[in-house]
């Protein structure tokens, strides 16, 4: 089950990257603002109905977030935290220097 969620997560990740890169930017209306394009598309105007790419981005983003949350939940419930298992070096038993016959070095 864990491997299936990871596979879905990776597919959603790469799909989200590709969908975002394929979309046209919001700044494409800058040329029409200066008189270079038609007046039907303005920079600050309404965008109209959502396109297929916008809906696909939303859907894949929701899948990505759900798989992220499920992977976080599964990894948390599966094992204890590494931070709680950590014991500092000062509390561990440290090897002691061998005892000599009364000689001291300074």
C-alpha atoms as a PDB file:
ATOM      1  CA  UNK A   1       0.000   0.000   0.000  1.00  0.00           C
ATOM      2  CA  UNK A   2       2.848   2.325   0.873  1.00  0.00           C
ATOM      3  CA  UNK A   3       4.537   1.710  -2.481  1.00  0.00           C
ATOM      4  CA  UNK A   4       1.286   2.416  -4.345  1.00  0.00           C
ATOM      5  CA  UNK A   5       0.911   5.787  -2.625  1.00  0.00           C
ATOM      6  CA  UNK A   6       4.523   6.654  -3.468  1.00  0.00           C
ATOM      7  CA  UNK A   7       3.954   5.783  -7.142  1.00  0.00           C
ATOM      8  CA  UNK A   8       0.776   7.907  -7.275  1.00  0.00           C
ATOM      9  CA  UNK A   9       2.653  10.728  -5.526  1.00  0.00           C
ATOM     10  CA  UNK A  10       5.498  10.648  -8.059  1.00  0.00           C
ATOM     11  CA  UNK A  11       3.079  10.599 -11.003  1.00  0.00           C
ATOM     12  CA  UNK A  12       1.191  13.550  -9.514  1.00  0.00           C
ATOM     13  CA  UNK A  13       4.466  15.401  -8.924  1.00  0.00           C
ATOM     14  CA  UNK A  14       5.710  15.063 -12.495  1.00  0.00           C
ATOM     15  CA  UNK A  15       2.232  15.736 -13.906  1.00  0.00           C
ATOM     16  CA  UNK A  16       1.940  18.933 -11.879  1.00  0.00           C
ATOM     17  CA  UNK A  17       5.331  20.121 -13.108  1.00  0.00           C
ATOM     18  CA  UNK A  18       4.426  19.435 -16.733  1.00  0.00           C
ATOM     19  CA  UNK A  19       0.962  21.041 -16.515  1.00  0.00           C
ATOM     20  CA  UNK A  20       2.334  24.203 -14.922  1.00  0.00           C
ATOM     21  CA  UNK A  21       5.103  24.478 -17.503  1.00  0.00           C
ATOM     22  CA  UNK A  22       2.654  24.008 -20.399  1.00  0.00           C
ATOM     23  CA  UNK A  23       0.334  26.800 -19.265  1.00  0.00           C
ATOM     24  CA  UNK A  24       0.655  30.235 -20.796  1.00  0.00           C
ATOM     25  CA  UNK A  25       1.636  32.981 -18.414  1.00  0.00           C
ATOM     26  CA  UNK A  26      -0.685  35.664 -17.081  1.00  0.00           C
ATOM     27  CA  UNK A  27       1.609  38.362 -18.488  1.00  0.00           C
ATOM     28  CA  UNK A  28       0.842  37.537 -22.120  1.00  0.00           C
ATOM     29  CA  UNK A  29      -1.582  40.463 -22.222  1.00  0.00           C
ATOM     30  CA  UNK A  30       1.199  43.042 -21.897  1.00  0.00           C
ATOM     31  CA  UNK A  31       1.483  43.392 -25.679  1.00  0.00           C
ATOM     32  CA  UNK A  32      -2.221  44.049 -26.064  1.00  0.00           C
ATOM     33  CA  UNK A  33      -2.068  46.736 -23.403  1.00  0.00           C
ATOM     34  CA  UNK A  34       0.288  48.742 -25.618  1.00  0.00           C
ATOM     35  CA  UNK A  35      -1.894  48.320 -28.703  1.00  0.00           C
ATOM     36  CA  UNK A  36      -0.237  45.260 -30.171  1.00  0.00           C
ATOM     37  CA  UNK A  37      -3.129  42.830 -29.835  1.00  0.00           C
ATOM     38  CA  UNK A  38      -6.878  42.574 -29.936  1.00  0.00           C
ATOM     39  CA  UNK A  39      -8.990  44.276 -27.314  1.00  0.00           C
ATOM     40  CA  UNK A  40     -10.770  41.091 -26.253  1.00  0.00           C
ATOM     41  CA  UNK A  41      -8.036  40.121 -23.813  1.00  0.00           C
ATOM     42  CA  UNK A  42      -7.034  42.686 -21.227  1.00  0.00           C
ATOM     43  CA  UNK A  43      -4.378  42.494 -18.538  1.00  0.00           C
ATOM     44  CA  UNK A  44      -6.648  43.142 -15.566  1.00  0.00           C
ATOM     45  CA  UNK A  45      -9.944  41.988 -17.082  1.00  0.00           C
ATOM     46  CA  UNK A  46     -11.993  38.924 -16.305  1.00  0.00           C
ATOM     47  CA  UNK A  47     -10.498  35.640 -17.396  1.00  0.00           C
ATOM     48  CA  UNK A  48     -13.778  34.016 -18.371  1.00  0.00           C
ATOM     49  CA  UNK A  49     -14.404  30.319 -17.915  1.00  0.00           C
ATOM     50  CA  UNK A  50     -11.668  28.162 -16.465  1.00  0.00           C
ATOM     51  CA  UNK A  51      -9.662  26.367 -19.079  1.00  0.00           C
ATOM     52  CA  UNK A  52      -8.918  22.650 -19.095  1.00  0.00           C
ATOM     53  CA  UNK A  53      -5.357  23.298 -17.952  1.00  0.00           C
ATOM     54  CA  UNK A  54      -6.524  25.255 -14.904  1.00  0.00           C
ATOM     55  CA  UNK A  55      -8.908  22.477 -13.893  1.00  0.00           C
ATOM     56  CA  UNK A  56      -6.232  19.842 -14.469  1.00  0.00           C
ATOM     57  CA  UNK A  57      -3.780  21.832 -12.334  1.00  0.00           C
ATOM     58  CA  UNK A  58      -6.293  22.008  -9.497  1.00  0.00           C
ATOM     59  CA  UNK A  59      -7.087  18.298  -9.684  1.00  0.00           C
ATOM     60  CA  UNK A  60      -3.452  17.185  -9.779  1.00  0.00           C
ATOM     61  CA  UNK A  61      -2.552  19.611  -6.960  1.00  0.00           C
ATOM     62  CA  UNK A  62      -5.294  18.120  -4.763  1.00  0.00           C
ATOM     63  CA  UNK A  63      -4.040  14.585  -5.496  1.00  0.00           C
ATOM     64  CA  UNK A  64      -0.472  15.702  -4.723  1.00  0.00           C
ATOM     65  CA  UNK A  65      -1.500  17.216  -1.381  1.00  0.00           C
ATOM     66  CA  UNK A  66      -3.559  14.168  -0.373  1.00  0.00           C
ATOM     67  CA  UNK A  67      -0.723  11.773  -1.164  1.00  0.00           C
ATOM     68  CA  UNK A  68       1.714  14.031   0.706  1.00  0.00           C
ATOM     69  CA  UNK A  69      -0.485  13.994   3.793  1.00  0.00           C
ATOM     70  CA  UNK A  70      -1.032  10.245   3.605  1.00  0.00           C
ATOM     71  CA  UNK A  71       2.697   9.561   3.228  1.00  0.00           C
ATOM     72  CA  UNK A  72       3.426  11.800   6.206  1.00  0.00           C
ATOM     73  CA  UNK A  73       0.809   9.990   8.294  1.00  0.00           C
ATOM     74  CA  UNK A  74       2.054   6.537   7.314  1.00  0.00           C
ATOM     75  CA  UNK A  75       5.685   7.386   8.008  1.00  0.00           C
ATOM     76  CA  UNK A  76       4.806   8.924  11.390  1.00  0.00           C
ATOM     77  CA  UNK A  77       2.730   5.959  12.568  1.00  0.00           C
ATOM     78  CA  UNK A  78       5.217   3.394  11.309  1.00  0.00           C
ATOM     79  CA  UNK A  79       8.161   4.250  13.508  1.00  0.00           C
ATOM     80  CA  UNK A  80       9.362   6.481  16.293  1.00  0.00           C
ATOM     81  CA  UNK A  81      11.049   9.762  15.619  1.00  0.00           C
ATOM     82  CA  UNK A  82      14.800   9.805  15.138  1.00  0.00           C
ATOM     83  CA  UNK A  83      15.024  12.885  17.346  1.00  0.00           C
ATOM     84  CA  UNK A  84      13.604  11.093  20.391  1.00  0.00           C
ATOM     85  CA  UNK A  85      16.061   8.205  19.978  1.00  0.00           C
ATOM     86  CA  UNK A  86      19.056  10.540  19.972  1.00  0.00           C
ATOM     87  CA  UNK A  87      21.196  10.598  23.097  1.00  0.00           C
ATOM     88  CA  UNK A  88      23.915  13.225  23.263  1.00  0.00           C
ATOM     89  CA  UNK A  89      27.554  12.127  23.277  1.00  0.00           C
ATOM     90  CA  UNK A  90      28.099  13.507  26.789  1.00  0.00           C
ATOM     91  CA  UNK A  91      25.550  11.086  28.256  1.00  0.00           C
ATOM     92  CA  UNK A  92      26.901   8.001  26.530  1.00  0.00           C
ATOM     93  CA  UNK A  93      29.625   5.940  28.084  1.00  0.00           C
ATOM     94  CA  UNK A  94      32.921   7.292  26.881  1.00  0.00           C
ATOM     95  CA  UNK A  95      36.052   5.173  26.894  1.00  0.00           C
ATOM     96  CA  UNK A  96      38.369   6.047  29.718  1.00  0.00           C
ATOM     97  CA  UNK A  97      42.079   6.545  29.360  1.00  0.00           C
ATOM     98  CA  UNK A  98      44.227   3.688  30.665  1.00  0.00           C
ATOM     99  CA  UNK A  99      45.544   4.155  34.150  1.00  0.00           C
ATOM    100  CA  UNK A 100      49.322   4.509  34.426  1.00  0.00           C
ATOM    101  CA  UNK A 101      51.656   3.948  37.400  1.00  0.00           C
ATOM    102  CA  UNK A 102      51.368   7.415  38.844  1.00  0.00           C
ATOM    103  CA  UNK A 103      52.817   9.276  35.897  1.00  0.00           C
ATOM    104  CA  UNK A 104      51.025  12.495  35.002  1.00  0.00           C
ATOM    105  CA  UNK A 105      51.482  14.501  31.858  1.00  0.00           C
ATOM    106  CA  UNK A 106      50.821  18.199  31.740  1.00  0.00           C
END
